Amino acid sequence: MATAKAVGGKKKKVLSKTEKDLAKLQGDHRKFVRTVVGGVGFKRIAALSDKEFTFENQTSDFDDVYVYENVVILAEYTTSQKSNVGSHLKNKKIVYDKIVNNPIGFIDHLKSEFPASAEQFPKYHQSKIIVKILYCSRFDFEAHHRENVSNISYLNYAELRYFVSVVGAIRRSARFEFLHFLNVDIRQVGINGSVDISSSSKDYHGSILPEAHSNFDNGYKVVSFYADPDILLKTSYVLRADGWRDSLNVYQRMISRAKVEGIRAYLKKERRVFINNIIVTLPSDVKPLDENDNTIDAKTLNDTAPVRIKLPTKPNSVGLIDGQHRVFAYYESDSDDPDIANLRKQQNLLVTGIIYPHGMSPIAREKFEARLFLEINSNQTSANSTLKQAIGMVLDPFSNESIAARTLAGLARTGPLAGHIQQHFYDSDKLRTTSIVSYGLKPLVKLKGDDTIFKIWDHKDKNQVLQGTNDEALDDYVQFSVSLINIVLAAIRRNVGSDRWVTDKKKEGHVLTTTYINSFLIILRTLIIKNLPLTPDSLAKAFEGIGEFNFVKYKSSQYNAMAEDIVETHFNNVTKPPAKPT
């Protein structure tokens, strides 16, 4: 039996394993958030952590308060399970609303209530101070809770782990993306005590390609120029697949710390840049000017012409298509390296930029960038199946593979497979997606055939999906597919038992493997061919006893053999429903 050690005459409480696990979970979560927020340059006011206050007759506290220039972050951490997050947010909503409606009053209140910490707050005019409430939940929770408390920022766990990785690779230079994530206009963030909100731009000398020579569509302009890494660090964005951007059109790989550090070591040793160029997209307001400050019309050119590029210093405006590691190797560190700091200001990166025509929608731009990225990377060994599937969802959303990938994303969010599918770079011991998309889902959701969900999908715009012309109907088809697959999987889980419905290889008899899931999806194809009933009750009854099935008999890619044997065992006596009258 454990004994408590005496500390200062008092017995130290002995924690149970459950209490120790919870304390570790809370500590790890707090550490991750502090790593990110502190890593991008914010200073934590330690004396305000977990300090109770009463503001406008409402008593509450924040786990941490951070300051960077004129930006203040009020951080809340929770390790509550998703079922409890809603009530936690509800309890906090009143004070959150009061702070959002009167942020300066709240900062003044904190200074008054905690005078010892007053000097650590921003030395800016009140009108320039930006206050953000950051809610950091360890576990995901239902979206409607965020909708009920919509005036704060949410750093969900997947996004937190993403920023932990990015900050680990590029240190303080991650602050531009982090501030953009917080919906803070970086142009309103102060520098050394002052804020300059005037629009600005930088000029770079280069060349422009005649439109007839670029082979891009009308309106695109191709320019080349030498730029300083500093401007690219501040203005560029990367559509990383594991990032926080609310778009299906993301695909680029996570930034590699090892690769960044390798390039950085080269820069310090050789004191010169890599000679290959950076590929970017540029917003339509980039002005290619001639010597008389007139905008050059690339349509009228016969030869490459000298040009002055007027590049707005606007955050999140330069799409970094190829060369993210070469750019981010110039990152700003905590104690900034003087050699790198000097190189960061030099115009030493050769940039090839494609200026967008006016009026392009964000989706059109993302599709263009995906196509360009694929052209550059398709012949590289790193352009694996996962990458090609992600880009396929952008460029050809109506393809069978893209529909399958979207369906898997839906299965990962809701239903029996939620939490069991690999979605993020840090996921381990979860179902890998590529094989399930290619061999399980793609044949099941394809748009033609007698063994596909599309065959039984009854929708007024079905033909428009077949023709690839109706995005909303495609969404409906994906949702229908997700719902039907979940009915089948729920029936199997019900009869197998939740304790075996895990990916943990140490668990004897576990059934969540790629082989078994692909087999379950093939079973659904067979049931569709046989026109057997697909209701929850009929399936639950048919799958009775499947827990006794000899799953371990089937290895690797024996999906079909396993599916055939399950259908033979469990559906041999199931009768077809009567035909619908015509």
Foldseek 3Di string as FASTA:
>chain_A
DDAFDADPNDTDDDDDPVRVVVVVVQVVLVVLVCCQVVQLPWDKLVVQAPDWDADPNRIDGARIWTDDAQEIEGEHEDADEQVCVLVVLVSCQVVVVVCLVPVLSVLVRCCVVPVVSNVVHHPEPSVLHHYAYEYEYAYDYDCVSCVVRVRHAYCYNLQSVLSSLVCLQFTNLCVLVVCVSRVHFVQSGDDPHDHDNDWAWDKWKWKWFQPVPPPDDPQKIKIKTFAFLLLCSNAEDAQDQSHDDPDLLGFDHRDDNVLLQVLLVVCVVVVAADPDAWEKEAEQPWAWADPVRDGDDSNPDDGMDMTMTTHISGHHGIYGQPDPSRSSSLHAHPPGDPSSVVSNHDRHHMYIYMYGGPDDDPLNVSLVSLVVSCVVPVPPPVCDQSSVLSNCCSNPCLALLNLLVLLVVLLCCDALCPPQEDRHPPDDLHEDDRLCSPQARSVADGCDDQLHPLVVDDDPCSVCSVVVHDPVVSVVSSVVVNVLLRLLVVLLCVQQDPQLCHSDPVDPLRQPYSLNSSLSSSLSSVCSNVQFDRGSVVSNQLNHPVNVPPVVVDDDNPSPVVNVVSCVRRVVPGDHDDDDDD
